[in-house]
Amino acid sequence: MSEKQVKKTIGNVFNQLADTLISGEYGKKPKVAVTASGSEHGEDEVFKAAAAALKFGIEPTVIGTKANKSVNTLVVDSEDDAHKKMEELLDTGSVDAAITMHYPFPIGVSTVGRIITPGKGEEMFIATTTGTSSTDKVEGMVKNAVYGIITAKACGIKNPTVGILNVDGARQTEIALNKLKNNGYEINFAESKRSDGGAVMRGNDLLTGSCDVMVMDSLTGNLMIKIFSSYTTGGSYESLGYGYGPGIGENFNKLILIISRASGAPLIEGAIKFAGELIKCNCLQIAKEEFDKAKKAGLDAILSEIKASKKSTVEEAEIVAPPKEVVTSQISGIEIMDLEDAVKLLWKNGVYAESGMGCTGPIVLVSEAKTNDALKILADNDFISKEQLDC
């Protein structure tokens, strides 16, 4: 073997070792397709991001309407053709994941985004940001919590902390997730950084990154991901974070991540890196394992309870309030939409109550002497979490 051949062989060995250190698997790099058609900033933004992502040990393939020498490119005539080519690459196993600007996920599948919080520069997963986990908001948020846990674990967080954003449905979601946890599914609830704590997060917690996974409905999540990705640019250019994330759902067996038409090169680069991490950690296998665990803990039954527990509104004339009492004891943790129903339920059971608004949200006011009775009545009817009985 000549000296030149020896040097070339040694060089190849070092290149393979470098690839191993980057990719974590000898000789194999994650392969990610990215569609470029439709970007508001032009296809060159996608090419720039793909070229920059090479340093992460990822092999990107850009599907666009023009060629580029810096990265592997597949040229197509239109955005529709780009999506067809993307599907073909996924179906044949030519790529491990795909990133695109829109995708018609089926009901039951929604995307888990990933942001960098401005308070301390910490990362947070937003569950979820696009798609529809369920047509019922609370059921959807319960599923979103599982989807968020899956994605966080697929990015190397073994026991992610979970918070629930204080939106409509948060308290009912908390009750359902506590049932799931008590049945054996591992959920590591976060604590709000606000003085009163709890797993229900305030707006401040979004900024400070109080949890690894922030659970919310996808419409709110979509708004959050847009704000956090572009608040430094005035909104027209998404420059921060990792995008809208992978579509997660039971039996969904493709790894497809979403970015926006407004996403710029830095965010698209982050999305490609995000995809690479999910591939290396085998996100689809983690999803299967987590769904199996959740179902063994009674997820399906809990979701069925949510659908069945839509409380029928009782006519005010049918329930007469008990004699008025001095009410100084506050019971929190009740959804704003359920507040009046909770009061009527207590009246029906002989407990005088009034509704109000405390510093952390809706409250029911009862007398000190009847607080324990009221708590039990509300917990038995799923207006509050049973964990509040022990507080």
Protein backbone atom coordinates (compact mmCIF):
# COMPACT_ATOMS: atom_id res chain seq x y z
CA MET A 1 0.00 0.00 0.00
CA SER A 2 1.43 3.37 -1.00
CA GLU A 3 1.93 6.21 1.49
CA LYS A 4 -0.90 8.11 -0.19
CA GLN A 5 -3.28 5.16 0.25
CA VAL A 6 -2.25 4.78 3.90
CA LYS A 7 -2.96 8.44 4.57
CA LYS A 8 -6.33 8.14 2.83
CA THR A 9 -7.24 5.06 4.90
CA ILE A 10 -6.23 6.78 8.13
CA GLY A 11 -8.27 9.81 7.10
CA ASN A 12 -11.34 7.64 6.47
CA VAL A 13 -10.94 6.03 9.90
CA PHE A 14 -10.79 9.42 11.61
CA ASN A 15 -13.83 10.59 9.66
CA GLN A 16 -15.76 7.52 10.77
CA LEU A 17 -14.69 8.10 14.38
CA ALA A 18 -15.84 11.70 14.12
CA ASP A 19 -19.19 10.56 12.72
CA THR A 20 -19.50 8.10 15.61
CA LEU A 21 -18.94 10.84 18.18
CA ILE A 22 -21.55 13.05 16.51
CA SER A 23 -24.19 10.52 15.58
CA GLY A 24 -23.76 8.10 18.47
CA GLU A 25 -23.94 5.12 16.11
CA TYR A 26 -21.01 3.83 14.09
CA GLY A 27 -21.24 4.59 10.40
CA LYS A 28 -24.83 5.83 10.46
CA LYS A 29 -26.15 9.35 10.45
CA PRO A 30 -29.80 10.38 10.84
CA LYS A 31 -31.32 11.17 7.46
CA VAL A 32 -33.82 14.04 7.39
CA ALA A 33 -35.82 15.38 4.46
CA VAL A 34 -36.85 19.06 4.51
CA THR A 35 -39.36 20.60 2.11
CA ALA A 36 -38.38 24.10 1.02
CA SER A 37 -41.33 25.10 -1.16
CA GLY A 38 -43.67 27.66 0.36
CA SER A 39 -41.24 29.48 2.64
CA GLU A 40 -42.07 33.17 3.00
CA HIS A 41 -38.33 33.87 3.14
CA GLY A 42 -37.38 31.86 0.08
CA GLU A 43 -35.88 28.41 -0.38
CA ASP A 44 -32.37 29.71 0.28
CA GLU A 45 -33.27 29.95 3.99
CA VAL A 46 -33.88 26.21 4.05
CA PHE A 47 -30.66 25.48 2.16
CA LYS A 48 -28.74 27.64 4.61
CA ALA A 49 -30.26 25.79 7.58
CA ALA A 50 -29.58 22.36 6.06
CA ALA A 51 -25.94 23.23 5.36
CA ALA A 52 -25.50 24.44 8.95
CA ALA A 53 -27.10 21.25 10.32
CA LEU A 54 -24.35 19.11 8.77
CA LYS A 55 -22.21 19.85 11.81
CA PHE A 56 -24.65 17.84 13.96
CA GLY A 57 -23.84 14.67 12.04
CA ILE A 58 -27.17 14.69 10.19
CA GLU A 59 -27.69 14.03 6.48
CA PRO A 60 -30.33 16.50 5.30
CA THR A 61 -32.05 16.28 1.93
CA VAL A 62 -33.80 19.42 0.78
CA ILE A 63 -36.79 19.01 -1.52
CA GLY A 64 -37.28 22.22 -3.48
CA THR A 65 -37.78 23.78 -6.88
CA LYS A 66 -34.09 24.52 -7.46
CA ALA A 67 -30.77 22.82 -6.88
CA ASN A 68 -28.09 23.80 -4.38
CA LYS A 69 -24.47 22.67 -4.27
CA SER A 70 -24.05 22.88 -0.49
CA VAL A 71 -26.48 20.07 0.42
CA ASN A 72 -28.19 17.09 -1.16
CA THR A 73 -31.19 18.35 -3.14
CA LEU A 74 -34.16 16.79 -4.89
CA VAL A 75 -35.71 19.13 -7.44
CA VAL A 76 -39.49 19.12 -7.92
CA ASP A 77 -41.90 21.34 -9.83
CA SER A 78 -44.31 22.39 -7.05
CA GLU A 79 -45.13 22.28 -3.35
CA ASP A 80 -47.55 19.38 -3.95
CA ASP A 81 -44.80 17.43 -5.67
CA ALA A 82 -42.49 18.19 -2.74
CA HIS A 83 -44.94 16.58 -0.32
CA LYS A 84 -45.35 13.55 -2.58
CA LYS A 85 -41.58 13.13 -2.74
CA MET A 86 -41.34 13.53 1.05
CA GLU A 87 -43.94 10.78 1.57
CA GLU A 88 -42.11 8.54 -0.87
CA LEU A 89 -38.80 8.98 0.98
CA LEU A 90 -40.47 8.18 4.31
CA ASP A 91 -42.38 5.17 2.97
CA THR A 92 -39.28 3.64 1.37
CA GLY A 93 -37.09 4.30 4.40
CA SER A 94 -34.77 6.54 2.38
CA VAL A 95 -35.02 9.09 5.21
CA ASP A 96 -35.70 8.60 8.92
CA ALA A 97 -37.73 11.77 9.40
CA ALA A 98 -39.14 14.72 7.50
CA ILE A 99 -39.65 18.40 8.23
CA THR A 100 -42.33 20.35 6.41
CA MET A 101 -44.42 23.51 6.69
CA HIS A 102 -47.79 21.81 6.91
CA TYR A 103 -49.15 18.28 7.11
CA PRO A 104 -52.69 16.85 7.39
CA PHE A 105 -52.25 14.85 10.59
CA PRO A 106 -55.24 12.60 11.45
CA ILE A 107 -57.39 13.35 14.51
CA GLY A 108 -55.54 12.00 17.52
CA VAL A 109 -52.15 13.27 16.36
CA SER A 110 -50.66 16.62 17.33
CA THR A 111 -47.21 18.16 17.45
CA VAL A 112 -44.99 18.82 20.46
CA GLY A 113 -42.98 22.02 20.02
CA ARG A 114 -39.73 23.01 21.68
CA ILE A 115 -38.77 26.53 22.72
CA ILE A 116 -36.03 28.40 24.53
CA THR A 117 -37.56 30.32 27.44
CA PRO A 118 -36.33 33.92 27.78
CA GLY A 119 -36.17 34.05 31.58
CA LYS A 120 -33.22 31.68 32.02
CA GLY A 121 -32.57 30.40 28.52
CA GLU A 122 -33.91 26.95 29.40
CA GLU A 123 -35.62 24.64 26.94
CA MET A 124 -39.28 23.70 27.29
CA PHE A 125 -41.57 21.39 25.34
CA ILE A 126 -44.97 22.81 24.39
CA ALA A 127 -47.62 20.07 24.26
CA THR A 128 -49.08 20.66 21.77
CA THR A 129 -48.74 23.19 18.92
CA THR A 130 -50.57 21.94 15.79
CA GLY A 131 -53.02 19.16 15.01
CA THR A 132 -55.95 17.85 17.06
CA SER A 133 -55.43 15.28 19.80
CA SER A 134 -59.18 15.15 20.45
CA THR A 135 -62.30 17.14 19.66
CA ASP A 136 -62.83 17.39 23.44
CA LYS A 137 -60.49 19.96 25.00
CA VAL A 138 -59.82 18.21 28.32
CA GLU A 139 -59.38 14.80 26.71
CA GLY A 140 -57.00 16.43 24.24
CA MET A 141 -54.93 18.03 26.98
CA VAL A 142 -54.63 14.72 28.85
CA LYS A 143 -53.32 13.13 25.66
CA ASN A 144 -51.05 16.12 25.09
CA ALA A 145 -49.39 15.46 28.45
CA VAL A 146 -48.51 11.93 27.34
CA TYR A 147 -47.32 13.24 23.95
CA GLY A 148 -45.10 15.79 25.71
CA ILE A 149 -43.60 13.15 28.00
CA ILE A 150 -42.83 10.95 24.98
CA THR A 151 -41.06 13.77 23.14
CA ALA A 152 -39.06 14.89 26.17
CA LYS A 153 -37.90 11.32 26.83
CA ALA A 154 -36.96 10.98 23.16
CA CYS A 155 -34.68 13.99 23.65
CA GLY A 156 -32.86 12.37 26.56
CA ILE A 157 -34.85 13.63 29.56
CA LYS A 158 -35.48 10.46 31.57
CA ASN A 159 -38.07 11.85 34.00
CA PRO A 160 -39.44 15.12 32.59
CA THR A 161 -41.36 17.48 34.83
CA VAL A 162 -44.90 18.24 33.67
CA GLY A 163 -46.87 21.44 34.19
CA ILE A 164 -50.36 22.39 32.98
CA LEU A 165 -50.87 25.91 31.69
CA ASN A 166 -53.68 27.75 33.49
CA VAL A 167 -56.15 27.74 30.60
CA ASP A 168 -59.76 26.56 30.46
CA GLY A 169 -59.68 22.82 31.20
CA ALA A 170 -56.46 22.86 33.26
CA ARG A 171 -58.03 21.71 36.54
CA GLN A 172 -59.99 18.88 34.94
CA THR A 173 -56.82 17.86 33.12
CA GLU A 174 -54.95 17.82 36.42
CA ILE A 175 -57.62 15.60 38.00
CA ALA A 176 -57.45 13.14 35.10
CA LEU A 177 -53.64 13.04 35.09
CA ASN A 178 -53.60 12.42 38.85
CA LYS A 179 -55.89 9.43 38.30
CA LEU A 180 -53.51 8.16 35.64
CA LYS A 181 -50.55 8.65 37.98
CA ASN A 182 -52.32 6.93 40.89
CA ASN A 183 -53.01 3.99 38.56
CA GLY A 184 -49.28 3.53 37.96
CA TYR A 185 -48.31 5.77 35.03
CA GLU A 186 -45.26 7.81 35.98
CA ILE A 187 -45.90 11.55 35.85
CA ASN A 188 -43.43 13.89 37.52
CA PHE A 189 -45.51 17.01 38.20
CA ALA A 190 -43.67 20.32 38.27
CA GLU A 191 -44.19 23.09 40.81
CA SER A 192 -45.07 26.62 39.75
CA LYS A 193 -42.39 29.15 40.61
CA ARG A 194 -45.15 31.37 42.03
CA SER A 195 -45.46 31.35 45.82
CA ASP A 196 -48.59 29.16 45.88
CA GLY A 197 -46.90 26.42 43.80
CA GLY A 198 -48.90 23.59 42.26
CA ALA A 199 -48.77 21.85 38.89
CA VAL A 200 -51.04 24.43 37.24
CA MET A 201 -48.66 26.95 35.70
CA ARG A 202 -48.99 30.73 35.41
CA GLY A 203 -47.79 32.92 32.57
CA ASN A 204 -44.62 33.64 34.57
CA ASP A 205 -43.77 29.93 34.46
CA LEU A 206 -43.75 30.02 30.65
CA LEU A 207 -41.07 32.69 30.75
CA THR A 208 -38.91 31.08 33.44
CA GLY A 209 -39.15 27.48 32.22
CA SER A 210 -40.67 26.03 35.40
CA CYS A 211 -41.21 22.62 33.79
CA ASP A 212 -39.84 20.45 31.01
CA VAL A 213 -43.27 19.86 29.43
CA MET A 214 -45.97 22.54 29.43
CA VAL A 215 -49.40 21.08 28.65
CA MET A 216 -52.09 23.11 26.88
CA ASP A 217 -54.56 22.88 24.01
CA SER A 218 -53.03 23.06 20.53
CA LEU A 219 -54.58 26.44 19.65
CA THR A 220 -52.93 28.05 22.67
CA GLY A 221 -49.77 26.09 21.96
CA ASN A 222 -49.69 27.34 18.39
CA LEU A 223 -49.90 30.91 19.66
CA MET A 224 -47.15 30.28 22.23
CA ILE A 225 -44.73 28.72 19.76
CA LYS A 226 -45.18 31.64 17.35
CA ILE A 227 -44.56 34.21 20.08
CA PHE A 228 -41.53 32.48 21.58
CA SER A 229 -39.93 31.87 18.18
CA SER A 230 -40.27 35.41 16.83
CA TYR A 231 -40.64 37.87 19.72
CA THR A 232 -37.16 39.31 19.05
CA THR A 233 -37.83 39.92 15.34
CA GLY A 234 -41.19 41.63 15.36
CA GLY A 235 -43.10 38.53 14.31
CA SER A 236 -42.31 38.16 10.62
CA TYR A 237 -39.25 35.93 11.03
CA GLU A 238 -39.14 32.94 13.39
CA SER A 239 -35.55 32.78 14.58
CA LEU A 240 -35.52 31.07 18.01
CA GLY A 241 -35.99 27.49 19.13
CA TYR A 242 -36.76 24.25 17.35
CA GLY A 243 -40.16 24.72 15.72
CA TYR A 244 -43.56 23.13 16.13
CA GLY A 245 -42.17 19.63 16.59
CA PRO A 246 -43.07 16.04 15.74
CA GLY A 247 -46.58 14.71 15.26
CA ILE A 248 -47.25 12.27 18.12
CA GLY A 249 -50.23 9.94 18.39
CA GLU A 250 -51.08 6.32 19.10
CA ASN A 251 -50.25 4.11 16.09
CA PHE A 252 -48.86 7.04 14.09
CA ASN A 253 -45.66 5.53 12.69
CA LYS A 254 -44.02 8.39 10.82
CA LEU A 255 -41.65 10.98 12.22
CA ILE A 256 -42.84 14.25 10.68
CA LEU A 257 -41.94 17.61 12.21
CA ILE A 258 -43.56 20.95 11.46
CA ILE A 259 -42.05 24.34 10.87
CA SER A 260 -43.81 27.49 9.65
CA ARG A 261 -43.71 29.42 6.40
CA ALA A 262 -42.35 32.23 8.58
CA SER A 263 -39.53 30.07 9.99
CA GLY A 264 -36.04 31.36 9.29
CA ALA A 265 -32.75 29.50 8.92
CA PRO A 266 -31.79 29.45 12.65
CA LEU A 267 -35.11 27.85 13.65
CA ILE A 268 -35.07 25.39 10.72
CA GLU A 269 -31.55 24.39 11.72
CA GLY A 270 -32.90 23.78 15.23
CA ALA A 271 -35.75 21.69 13.82
CA ILE A 272 -33.28 19.50 11.89
CA LYS A 273 -31.24 19.03 15.07
CA PHE A 274 -34.50 18.21 16.93
CA ALA A 275 -35.31 15.56 14.30
CA GLY A 276 -31.83 14.10 14.63
CA GLU A 277 -32.21 13.68 18.39
CA LEU A 278 -35.61 12.00 17.99
CA ILE A 279 -34.17 9.57 15.45
CA LYS A 280 -31.14 8.67 17.59
CA CYS A 281 -33.30 8.00 20.66
CA ASN A 282 -35.88 6.03 18.61
CA CYS A 283 -38.86 8.27 19.30
CA LEU A 284 -41.38 5.93 17.67
CA GLN A 285 -40.34 3.05 19.95
CA ILE A 286 -40.50 5.30 23.02
CA ALA A 287 -43.98 6.39 21.94
CA LYS A 288 -45.13 2.77 21.70
CA GLU A 289 -43.76 1.98 25.15
CA GLU A 290 -45.34 5.06 26.76
CA PHE A 291 -48.73 4.41 25.18
CA ASP A 292 -48.60 0.82 26.45
CA LYS A 293 -47.80 2.05 29.98
CA ALA A 294 -50.54 4.69 29.90
CA LYS A 295 -53.15 2.24 28.64
CA LYS A 296 -52.21 -0.27 31.34
CA ALA A 297 -52.80 2.52 33.85
CA GLY A 298 -56.34 2.99 32.52
CA LEU A 299 -55.90 5.86 30.07
CA ASP A 300 -58.81 4.75 27.88
CA ALA A 301 -61.18 4.47 30.87
CA ILE A 302 -60.12 7.89 32.17
CA LEU A 303 -60.70 9.46 28.77
CA SER A 304 -64.13 7.81 28.62
CA GLU A 305 -64.95 9.27 32.04
CA ILE A 306 -64.12 12.74 30.74
CA LYS A 307 -66.61 12.35 27.90
CA ALA A 308 -69.28 10.93 30.20
CA SER A 309 -68.83 13.57 32.89
CA LYS A 310 -70.17 16.50 30.90
CA LYS A 311 -72.28 17.89 33.66
CA SER A 312 -75.84 18.77 32.76
CA THR A 313 -76.82 22.23 33.87
CA VAL A 314 -79.58 22.17 36.44
CA GLU A 315 -82.24 24.87 36.21
CA GLU A 316 -81.70 27.49 38.90
CA ALA A 317 -85.34 27.27 39.96
CA GLU A 318 -84.92 23.61 40.85
CA ILE A 319 -82.26 24.26 43.51
CA VAL A 320 -82.83 26.62 46.41
CA ALA A 321 -79.84 27.96 48.33
CA PRO A 322 -79.62 26.89 51.99
CA PRO A 323 -79.79 29.62 54.65
CA LYS A 324 -77.01 32.14 54.14
CA GLU A 325 -73.87 31.77 56.27
CA VAL A 326 -70.64 33.70 56.76
CA VAL A 327 -68.29 32.24 54.13
CA THR A 328 -64.59 32.85 54.72
CA SER A 329 -63.07 29.53 53.62
CA GLN A 330 -61.81 29.47 50.03
CA ILE A 331 -61.74 26.37 47.81
CA SER A 332 -59.68 26.77 44.65
CA GLY A 333 -58.88 24.44 41.75
CA ILE A 334 -62.28 24.68 40.03
CA GLU A 335 -62.69 25.48 36.35
CA ILE A 336 -64.24 28.88 35.67
CA MET A 337 -66.84 27.21 33.42
CA ASP A 338 -67.77 24.80 36.24
CA LEU A 339 -67.92 27.37 39.03
CA GLU A 340 -71.66 27.95 39.18
CA ASP A 341 -72.39 24.23 38.79
CA ALA A 342 -70.10 23.58 41.77
CA VAL A 343 -72.00 26.10 43.88
CA LYS A 344 -75.35 24.54 42.94
CA LEU A 345 -74.01 21.08 43.77
CA LEU A 346 -73.09 22.26 47.27
CA TRP A 347 -76.49 23.90 47.72
CA LYS A 348 -78.12 20.64 46.66
CA ASN A 349 -76.16 18.89 49.42
CA GLY A 350 -77.11 21.42 52.08
CA VAL A 351 -73.89 23.45 52.06
CA TYR A 352 -74.27 27.19 51.57
CA ALA A 353 -71.66 28.45 49.08
CA GLU A 354 -70.83 31.46 46.96
CA SER A 355 -68.59 31.84 43.93
CA GLY A 356 -65.72 34.30 43.73
CA MET A 357 -62.38 35.06 42.16
CA GLY A 358 -59.20 34.70 44.19
CA CYS A 359 -55.68 35.81 43.37
CA THR A 360 -54.96 32.52 41.57
CA GLY A 361 -58.30 32.01 39.85
CA PRO A 362 -61.90 30.95 40.52
CA ILE A 363 -62.88 29.98 44.08
CA VAL A 364 -65.88 28.66 45.97
CA LEU A 365 -66.51 30.26 49.36
CA VAL A 366 -68.00 28.22 52.22
CA SER A 367 -68.06 28.46 56.00
CA GLU A 368 -65.03 27.25 57.93
CA ALA A 369 -67.13 24.60 59.66
CA LYS A 370 -68.29 23.05 56.38
CA THR A 371 -65.02 23.21 54.42
CA ASN A 372 -64.21 19.51 54.74
CA ASP A 373 -67.74 18.49 53.73
CA ALA A 374 -67.59 20.80 50.72
CA LEU A 375 -64.19 19.50 49.65
CA LYS A 376 -65.41 15.90 49.77
CA ILE A 377 -68.58 16.69 47.79
CA LEU A 378 -66.62 18.55 45.10
CA ALA A 379 -63.92 15.85 44.88
CA ASP A 380 -66.45 13.03 44.64
CA ASN A 381 -68.02 14.80 41.66
CA ASP A 382 -64.69 15.61 39.95
CA PHE A 383 -64.88 19.38 40.38
CA ILE A 384 -61.54 19.30 42.22
CA SER A 385 -58.72 16.81 42.57
CA LYS A 386 -58.99 14.25 45.36
CA GLU A 387 -55.41 15.22 46.29
CA GLN A 388 -56.84 18.50 47.64
CA LEU A 389 -58.56 16.53 50.42
CA ASP A 390 -55.16 15.85 51.95
CA CYS A 391 -54.04 19.48 51.89
